[in-house]
Amino acid sequence: MRQWQLQAAKAQLSEVLRASEESGPQEITRRGSAVAVVVAKVDFDRLTSRKGSFVDFMRRSPLSGVRLQLRRDRTRVRRVER
């Protein structure tokens, strides 16, 4: 991932955008610290798209057929004095 100083990224925004499309994410730094990453719209859409519901995810789990035997703890709650 190429790093760009903020001032250079401002001055060469077209180049930063082109590089994000062709080479992948571009990191922007300010005073030596990373502050942002520019990604191509295609990559952003892929990263943020829903791939089904949580229920579908759980059903695809290799553990979906496992039967759990859960028991509730029936002990009384202890009293707390104030």
PDB file of N, CA and C in Angstrom:
ATOM      1  N   MET A   1       0.853  -1.164   0.000  1.00  0.00           N
ATOM      2  CA  MET A   1       0.000   0.000   0.000  1.00  0.00           C
ATOM      3  C   MET A   1       0.899   1.227   0.000  1.00  0.00           C
ATOM      4  N   ARG A   2       0.667   2.084  -0.943  1.00  0.00           N
ATOM      5  CA  ARG A   2       1.481   3.302  -1.046  1.00  0.00           C
ATOM      6  C   ARG A   2       0.982   4.336  -0.040  1.00  0.00           C
ATOM      7  N   GLN A   3       1.915   5.072   0.534  1.00  0.00           N
ATOM      8  CA  GLN A   3       1.576   6.147   1.465  1.00  0.00           C
ATOM      9  C   GLN A   3       1.735   7.489   0.776  1.00  0.00           C
ATOM     10  N   TRP A   4       0.802   8.368   1.081  1.00  0.00           N
ATOM     11  CA  TRP A   4       0.827   9.727   0.561  1.00  0.00           C
ATOM     12  C   TRP A   4       0.754  10.690   1.731  1.00  0.00           C
ATOM     13  N   GLN A   5       1.603  11.702   1.732  1.00  0.00           N
ATOM     14  CA  GLN A   5       1.453  12.770   2.710  1.00  0.00           C
ATOM     15  C   GLN A   5       0.224  13.575   2.316  1.00  0.00           C
ATOM     16  N   LEU A   6      -0.467  14.114   3.279  1.00  0.00           N
ATOM     17  CA  LEU A   6      -1.733  14.807   3.025  1.00  0.00           C
ATOM     18  C   LEU A   6      -1.591  15.901   1.969  1.00  0.00           C
ATOM     19  N   GLN A   7      -0.566  16.704   2.062  1.00  0.00           N
ATOM     20  CA  GLN A   7      -0.392  17.786   1.085  1.00  0.00           C
ATOM     21  C   GLN A   7      -0.197  17.231  -0.321  1.00  0.00           C
ATOM     22  N   ALA A   8       0.567  16.156  -0.454  1.00  0.00           N
ATOM     23  CA  ALA A   8       0.785  15.551  -1.773  1.00  0.00           C
ATOM     24  C   ALA A   8      -0.513  14.943  -2.294  1.00  0.00           C
ATOM     25  N   ALA A   9      -1.286  14.321  -1.401  1.00  0.00           N
ATOM     26  CA  ALA A   9      -2.558  13.723  -1.818  1.00  0.00           C
ATOM     27  C   ALA A   9      -3.519  14.801  -2.301  1.00  0.00           C
ATOM     28  N   LYS A  10      -3.537  15.947  -1.631  1.00  0.00           N
ATOM     29  CA  LYS A  10      -4.388  17.051  -2.066  1.00  0.00           C
ATOM     30  C   LYS A  10      -3.972  17.537  -3.449  1.00  0.00           C
ATOM     31  N   ALA A  11      -2.681  17.712  -3.623  1.00  0.00           N
ATOM     32  CA  ALA A  11      -2.164  18.250  -4.884  1.00  0.00           C
ATOM     33  C   ALA A  11      -2.321  17.274  -6.033  1.00  0.00           C
ATOM     34  N   GLN A  12      -2.316  15.968  -5.730  1.00  0.00           N
ATOM     35  CA  GLN A  12      -2.367  14.949  -6.782  1.00  0.00           C
ATOM     36  C   GLN A  12      -3.553  14.012  -6.582  1.00  0.00           C
ATOM     37  N   LEU A  13      -4.705  14.566  -6.260  1.00  0.00           N
ATOM     38  CA  LEU A  13      -5.876  13.748  -5.970  1.00  0.00           C
ATOM     39  C   LEU A  13      -6.211  12.801  -7.124  1.00  0.00           C
ATOM     40  N   SER A  14      -6.133  13.257  -8.340  1.00  0.00           N
ATOM     41  CA  SER A  14      -6.422  12.391  -9.489  1.00  0.00           C
ATOM     42  C   SER A  14      -5.495  11.185  -9.506  1.00  0.00           C
ATOM     43  N   GLU A  15      -4.232  11.399  -9.196  1.00  0.00           N
ATOM     44  CA  GLU A  15      -3.257  10.303  -9.171  1.00  0.00           C
ATOM     45  C   GLU A  15      -3.562   9.327  -8.029  1.00  0.00           C
ATOM     46  N   VAL A  16      -3.956   9.847  -6.873  1.00  0.00           N
ATOM     47  CA  VAL A  16      -4.318   8.977  -5.746  1.00  0.00           C
ATOM     48  C   VAL A  16      -5.509   8.098  -6.132  1.00  0.00           C
ATOM     49  N   LEU A  17      -6.513   8.702  -6.755  1.00  0.00           N
ATOM     50  CA  LEU A  17      -7.701   7.938  -7.170  1.00  0.00           C
ATOM     51  C   LEU A  17      -7.350   6.883  -8.214  1.00  0.00           C
ATOM     52  N   ARG A  18      -6.529   7.255  -9.193  1.00  0.00           N
ATOM     53  CA  ARG A  18      -6.131   6.295 -10.221  1.00  0.00           C
ATOM     54  C   ARG A  18      -5.352   5.138  -9.593  1.00  0.00           C
ATOM     55  N   ALA A  19      -4.457   5.456  -8.675  1.00  0.00           N
ATOM     56  CA  ALA A  19      -3.668   4.415  -8.025  1.00  0.00           C
ATOM     57  C   ALA A  19      -4.550   3.490  -7.189  1.00  0.00           C
ATOM     58  N   SER A  20      -5.600   4.026  -6.566  1.00  0.00           N
ATOM     59  CA  SER A  20      -6.496   3.174  -5.773  1.00  0.00           C
ATOM     60  C   SER A  20      -7.248   2.193  -6.665  1.00  0.00           C
ATOM     61  N   GLU A  21      -7.562   2.610  -7.874  1.00  0.00           N
ATOM     62  CA  GLU A  21      -8.254   1.715  -8.817  1.00  0.00           C
ATOM     63  C   GLU A  21      -7.307   0.664  -9.388  1.00  0.00           C
ATOM     64  N   GLU A  22      -6.077   1.071  -9.677  1.00  0.00           N
ATOM     65  CA  GLU A  22      -5.141   0.176 -10.356  1.00  0.00           C
ATOM     66  C   GLU A  22      -4.289  -0.660  -9.403  1.00  0.00           C
ATOM     67  N   SER A  23      -3.898  -0.082  -8.267  1.00  0.00           N
ATOM     68  CA  SER A  23      -2.943  -0.754  -7.392  1.00  0.00           C
ATOM     69  C   SER A  23      -3.502  -1.145  -6.037  1.00  0.00           C
ATOM     70  N   GLY A  24      -4.707  -0.708  -5.729  1.00  0.00           N
ATOM     71  CA  GLY A  24      -5.291  -1.035  -4.435  1.00  0.00           C
ATOM     72  C   GLY A  24      -5.308   0.156  -3.502  1.00  0.00           C
ATOM     73  N   PRO A  25      -5.610  -0.074  -2.238  1.00  0.00           N
ATOM     74  CA  PRO A  25      -5.757   1.013  -1.277  1.00  0.00           C
ATOM     75  C   PRO A  25      -4.525   1.908  -1.183  1.00  0.00           C
ATOM     76  N   GLN A  26      -4.785   3.209  -0.954  1.00  0.00           N
ATOM     77  CA  GLN A  26      -3.734   4.214  -0.827  1.00  0.00           C
ATOM     78  C   GLN A  26      -3.885   4.866   0.548  1.00  0.00           C
ATOM     79  N   GLU A  27      -2.831   4.868   1.319  1.00  0.00           N
ATOM     80  CA  GLU A  27      -2.875   5.406   2.674  1.00  0.00           C
ATOM     81  C   GLU A  27      -2.466   6.873   2.677  1.00  0.00           C
ATOM     82  N   ILE A  28      -3.214   7.688   3.402  1.00  0.00           N
ATOM     83  CA  ILE A  28      -2.921   9.117   3.525  1.00  0.00           C
ATOM     84  C   ILE A  28      -2.411   9.372   4.944  1.00  0.00           C
ATOM     85  N   THR A  29      -1.304  10.085   5.056  1.00  0.00           N
ATOM     86  CA  THR A  29      -0.731  10.362   6.372  1.00  0.00           C
ATOM     87  C   THR A  29      -0.712  11.872   6.628  1.00  0.00           C
ATOM     88  N   ARG A  30      -0.785  12.217   7.907  1.00  0.00           N
ATOM     89  CA  ARG A  30      -0.657  13.612   8.328  1.00  0.00           C
ATOM     90  C   ARG A  30       0.335  13.631   9.480  1.00  0.00           C
ATOM     91  N   ARG A  31       1.391  14.369   9.310  1.00  0.00           N
ATOM     92  CA  ARG A  31       2.475  14.443  10.308  1.00  0.00           C
ATOM     93  C   ARG A  31       3.018  13.057  10.655  1.00  0.00           C
ATOM     94  N   GLY A  32       3.092  12.177   9.669  1.00  0.00           N
ATOM     95  CA  GLY A  32       3.672  10.854   9.865  1.00  0.00           C
ATOM     96  C   GLY A  32       2.725   9.785  10.367  1.00  0.00           C
ATOM     97  N   SER A  33       1.486  10.151  10.710  1.00  0.00           N
ATOM     98  CA  SER A  33       0.511   9.172  11.208  1.00  0.00           C
ATOM     99  C   SER A  33      -0.563   8.922  10.163  1.00  0.00           C
ATOM    100  N   ALA A  34      -0.922   7.657   9.988  1.00  0.00           N
ATOM    101  CA  ALA A  34      -1.966   7.311   9.031  1.00  0.00           C
ATOM    102  C   ALA A  34      -3.298   7.866   9.509  1.00  0.00           C
ATOM    103  N   VAL A  35      -4.020   8.553   8.609  1.00  0.00           N
ATOM    104  CA  VAL A  35      -5.309   9.145   8.976  1.00  0.00           C
ATOM    105  C   VAL A  35      -6.449   8.676   8.087  1.00  0.00           C
ATOM    106  N   ALA A  36      -6.139   8.145   6.903  1.00  0.00           N
ATOM    107  CA  ALA A  36      -7.202   7.723   5.989  1.00  0.00           C
ATOM    108  C   ALA A  36      -6.651   6.737   4.974  1.00  0.00           C
ATOM    109  N   VAL A  37      -7.573   5.990   4.389  1.00  0.00           N
ATOM    110  CA  VAL A  37      -7.226   5.073   3.309  1.00  0.00           C
ATOM    111  C   VAL A  37      -8.227   5.298   2.183  1.00  0.00           C
ATOM    112  N   VAL A  38      -7.721   5.492   0.979  1.00  0.00           N
ATOM    113  CA  VAL A  38      -8.573   5.671  -0.195  1.00  0.00           C
ATOM    114  C   VAL A  38      -8.659   4.323  -0.904  1.00  0.00           C
ATOM    115  N   VAL A  39      -9.892   3.841  -1.091  1.00  0.00           N
ATOM    116  CA  VAL A  39     -10.095   2.578  -1.810  1.00  0.00           C
ATOM    117  C   VAL A  39     -10.991   2.824  -3.001  1.00  0.00           C
ATOM    118  N   ALA A  40     -10.850   1.992  -4.009  1.00  0.00           N
ATOM    119  CA  ALA A  40     -11.693   2.094  -5.201  1.00  0.00           C
ATOM    120  C   ALA A  40     -13.138   1.752  -4.829  1.00  0.00           C
ATOM    121  N   LYS A  41     -14.076   2.329  -5.541  1.00  0.00           N
ATOM    122  CA  LYS A  41     -15.507   2.095  -5.281  1.00  0.00           C
ATOM    123  C   LYS A  41     -15.845   0.616  -5.382  1.00  0.00           C
ATOM    124  N   VAL A  42     -15.257  -0.085  -6.311  1.00  0.00           N
ATOM    125  CA  VAL A  42     -15.512  -1.518  -6.474  1.00  0.00           C
ATOM    126  C   VAL A  42     -15.113  -2.274  -5.209  1.00  0.00           C
ATOM    127  N   ASP A  43     -13.944  -1.953  -4.663  1.00  0.00           N
ATOM    128  CA  ASP A  43     -13.482  -2.606  -3.435  1.00  0.00           C
ATOM    129  C   ASP A  43     -14.364  -2.242  -2.249  1.00  0.00           C
ATOM    130  N   PHE A  44     -14.754  -0.972  -2.165  1.00  0.00           N
ATOM    131  CA  PHE A  44     -15.621  -0.531  -1.079  1.00  0.00           C
ATOM    132  C   PHE A  44     -16.954  -1.274  -1.117  1.00  0.00           C
ATOM    133  N   ASP A  45     -17.549  -1.382  -2.305  1.00  0.00           N
ATOM    134  CA  ASP A  45     -18.826  -2.099  -2.441  1.00  0.00           C
ATOM    135  C   ASP A  45     -18.690  -3.558  -2.034  1.00  0.00           C
ATOM    136  N   ARG A  46     -17.582  -4.176  -2.413  1.00  0.00           N
ATOM    137  CA  ARG A  46     -17.359  -5.573  -2.062  1.00  0.00           C
ATOM    138  C   ARG A  46     -17.212  -5.732  -0.549  1.00  0.00           C
ATOM    139  N   LEU A  47     -16.523  -4.817   0.090  1.00  0.00           N
ATOM    140  CA  LEU A  47     -16.292  -4.904   1.530  1.00  0.00           C
ATOM    141  C   LEU A  47     -17.533  -4.600   2.358  1.00  0.00           C
ATOM    142  N   THR A  48     -18.431  -3.781   1.838  1.00  0.00           N
ATOM    143  CA  THR A  48     -19.587  -3.359   2.623  1.00  0.00           C
ATOM    144  C   THR A  48     -20.885  -4.045   2.236  1.00  0.00           C
ATOM    145  N   SER A  49     -20.856  -4.880   1.221  1.00  0.00           N
ATOM    146  CA  SER A  49     -22.108  -5.524   0.794  1.00  0.00           C
ATOM    147  C   SER A  49     -22.514  -6.616   1.779  1.00  0.00           C
ATOM    148  N   ARG A  50     -23.814  -6.771   1.941  1.00  0.00           N
ATOM    149  CA  ARG A  50     -24.336  -7.828   2.812  1.00  0.00           C
ATOM    150  C   ARG A  50     -24.252  -9.145   2.053  1.00  0.00           C
ATOM    151  N   LYS A  51     -23.851 -10.149   2.750  1.00  0.00           N
ATOM    152  CA  LYS A  51     -23.713 -11.464   2.130  1.00  0.00           C
ATOM    153  C   LYS A  51     -24.721 -12.441   2.728  1.00  0.00           C
ATOM    154  N   GLY A  52     -25.875 -11.944   3.112  1.00  0.00           N
ATOM    155  CA  GLY A  52     -26.888 -12.772   3.735  1.00  0.00           C
ATOM    156  C   GLY A  52     -27.119 -12.335   5.163  1.00  0.00           C
ATOM    157  N   SER A  53     -28.089 -12.913   5.775  1.00  0.00           N
ATOM    158  CA  SER A  53     -28.427 -12.542   7.144  1.00  0.00           C
ATOM    159  C   SER A  53     -27.560 -13.314   8.142  1.00  0.00           C
ATOM    160  N   PHE A  54     -27.635 -12.916   9.383  1.00  0.00           N
ATOM    161  CA  PHE A  54     -26.915 -13.602  10.443  1.00  0.00           C
ATOM    162  C   PHE A  54     -27.414 -15.032  10.587  1.00  0.00           C
ATOM    163  N   VAL A  55     -28.712 -15.216  10.413  1.00  0.00           N
ATOM    164  CA  VAL A  55     -29.297 -16.564  10.502  1.00  0.00           C
ATOM    165  C   VAL A  55     -28.713 -17.460   9.406  1.00  0.00           C
ATOM    166  N   ASP A  56     -28.598 -16.951   8.185  1.00  0.00           N
ATOM    167  CA  ASP A  56     -27.986 -17.726   7.093  1.00  0.00           C
ATOM    168  C   ASP A  56     -26.546 -18.089   7.426  1.00  0.00           C
ATOM    169  N   PHE A  57     -25.817 -17.135   7.983  1.00  0.00           N
ATOM    170  CA  PHE A  57     -24.433 -17.389   8.377  1.00  0.00           C
ATOM    171  C   PHE A  57     -24.361 -18.523   9.388  1.00  0.00           C
ATOM    172  N   MET A  58     -25.218 -18.481  10.399  1.00  0.00           N
ATOM    173  CA  MET A  58     -25.209 -19.519  11.430  1.00  0.00           C
ATOM    174  C   MET A  58     -25.612 -20.879  10.852  1.00  0.00           C
ATOM    175  N   ARG A  59     -26.542 -20.885   9.923  1.00  0.00           N
ATOM    176  CA  ARG A  59     -26.970 -22.151   9.305  1.00  0.00           C
ATOM    177  C   ARG A  59     -25.868 -22.779   8.462  1.00  0.00           C
ATOM    178  N   ARG A  60     -24.986 -21.960   7.904  1.00  0.00           N
ATOM    179  CA  ARG A  60     -23.869 -22.488   7.113  1.00  0.00           C
ATOM    180  C   ARG A  60     -22.710 -22.963   7.985  1.00  0.00           C
ATOM    181  N   SER A  61     -22.783 -22.731   9.267  1.00  0.00           N
ATOM    182  CA  SER A  61     -21.715 -23.107  10.185  1.00  0.00           C
ATOM    183  C   SER A  61     -21.534 -24.620  10.213  1.00  0.00           C
ATOM    184  N   PRO A  62     -20.300 -25.111  10.313  1.00  0.00           N
ATOM    185  CA  PRO A  62     -20.080 -26.553  10.421  1.00  0.00           C
ATOM    186  C   PRO A  62     -20.657 -27.123  11.716  1.00  0.00           C
ATOM    187  N   LEU A  63     -20.985 -26.278  12.661  1.00  0.00           N
ATOM    188  CA  LEU A  63     -21.543 -26.738  13.931  1.00  0.00           C
ATOM    189  C   LEU A  63     -23.064 -26.639  13.965  1.00  0.00           C
ATOM    190  N   SER A  64     -23.692 -26.370  12.832  1.00  0.00           N
ATOM    191  CA  SER A  64     -25.136 -26.142  12.822  1.00  0.00           C
ATOM    192  C   SER A  64     -25.941 -27.367  13.260  1.00  0.00           C
ATOM    193  N   GLY A  65     -25.431 -28.562  13.078  1.00  0.00           N
ATOM    194  CA  GLY A  65     -26.172 -29.757  13.460  1.00  0.00           C
ATOM    195  C   GLY A  65     -25.901 -30.236  14.879  1.00  0.00           C
ATOM    196  N   VAL A  66     -25.013 -29.581  15.593  1.00  0.00           N
ATOM    197  CA  VAL A  66     -24.650 -30.006  16.935  1.00  0.00           C
ATOM    198  C   VAL A  66     -25.786 -29.685  17.895  1.00  0.00           C
ATOM    199  N   ARG A  67     -26.158 -30.663  18.705  1.00  0.00           N
ATOM    200  CA  ARG A  67     -27.214 -30.472  19.696  1.00  0.00           C
ATOM    201  C   ARG A  67     -26.575 -30.107  21.034  1.00  0.00           C
ATOM    202  N   LEU A  68     -26.951 -28.996  21.573  1.00  0.00           N
ATOM    203  CA  LEU A  68     -26.416 -28.561  22.858  1.00  0.00           C
ATOM    204  C   LEU A  68     -27.372 -28.963  23.972  1.00  0.00           C
ATOM    205  N   GLN A  69     -26.810 -29.422  25.067  1.00  0.00           N
ATOM    206  CA  GLN A  69     -27.616 -29.730  26.238  1.00  0.00           C
ATOM    207  C   GLN A  69     -27.298 -28.679  27.289  1.00  0.00           C
ATOM    208  N   LEU A  70     -28.161 -27.693  27.360  1.00  0.00           N
ATOM    209  CA  LEU A  70     -27.941 -26.592  28.278  1.00  0.00           C
ATOM    210  C   LEU A  70     -28.832 -26.767  29.499  1.00  0.00           C
ATOM    211  N   ARG A  71     -28.272 -26.514  30.657  1.00  0.00           N
ATOM    212  CA  ARG A  71     -29.037 -26.579  31.897  1.00  0.00           C
ATOM    213  C   ARG A  71     -28.976 -25.223  32.573  1.00  0.00           C
ATOM    214  N   ARG A  72     -30.102 -24.800  33.057  1.00  0.00           N
ATOM    215  CA  ARG A  72     -30.165 -23.522  33.749  1.00  0.00           C
ATOM    216  C   ARG A  72     -29.721 -23.704  35.189  1.00  0.00           C
ATOM    217  N   ASP A  73     -28.920 -22.776  35.659  1.00  0.00           N
ATOM    218  CA  ASP A  73     -28.471 -22.807  37.049  1.00  0.00           C
ATOM    219  C   ASP A  73     -29.631 -22.338  37.926  1.00  0.00           C
ATOM    220  N   ARG A  74     -30.109 -23.188  38.798  1.00  0.00           N
ATOM    221  CA  ARG A  74     -31.276 -22.880  39.615  1.00  0.00           C
ATOM    222  C   ARG A  74     -30.917 -22.386  41.022  1.00  0.00           C
ATOM    223  N   THR A  75     -29.660 -22.122  41.282  1.00  0.00           N
ATOM    224  CA  THR A  75     -29.282 -21.653  42.615  1.00  0.00           C
ATOM    225  C   THR A  75     -29.870 -20.274  42.851  1.00  0.00           C
ATOM    226  N   ARG A  76     -30.197 -20.040  44.122  1.00  0.00           N
ATOM    227  CA  ARG A  76     -30.789 -18.751  44.474  1.00  0.00           C
ATOM    228  C   ARG A  76     -29.724 -17.656  44.445  1.00  0.00           C
ATOM    229  N   VAL A  77     -30.206 -16.487  44.214  1.00  0.00           N
ATOM    230  CA  VAL A  77     -29.313 -15.328  44.218  1.00  0.00           C
ATOM    231  C   VAL A  77     -29.039 -14.965  45.676  1.00  0.00           C
ATOM    232  N   ARG A  78     -27.788 -14.715  45.998  1.00  0.00           N
ATOM    233  CA  ARG A  78     -27.468 -14.405  47.383  1.00  0.00           C
ATOM    234  C   ARG A  78     -27.871 -12.975  47.699  1.00  0.00           C
ATOM    235  N   ARG A  79     -28.196 -12.767  48.924  1.00  0.00           N
ATOM    236  CA  ARG A  79     -28.604 -11.428  49.382  1.00  0.00           C
ATOM    237  C   ARG A  79     -27.362 -10.589  49.634  1.00  0.00           C
ATOM    238  N   VAL A  80     -27.451  -9.355  49.268  1.00  0.00           N
ATOM    239  CA  VAL A  80     -26.357  -8.423  49.505  1.00  0.00           C
ATOM    240  C   VAL A  80     -26.841  -7.383  50.489  1.00  0.00           C
ATOM    241  N   GLU A  81     -26.095  -7.236  51.584  1.00  0.00           N
ATOM    242  CA  GLU A  81     -26.473  -6.236  52.583  1.00  0.00           C
ATOM    243  C   GLU A  81     -25.871  -4.904  52.214  1.00  0.00           C
ATOM    244  N   ARG A  82     -26.625  -3.853  52.476  1.00  0.00           N
ATOM    245  CA  ARG A  82     -26.162  -2.512  52.150  1.00  0.00           C
ATOM    246  C   ARG A  82     -25.515  -1.835  53.309  1.00  0.00           C
TER     247      ARG A  82
END
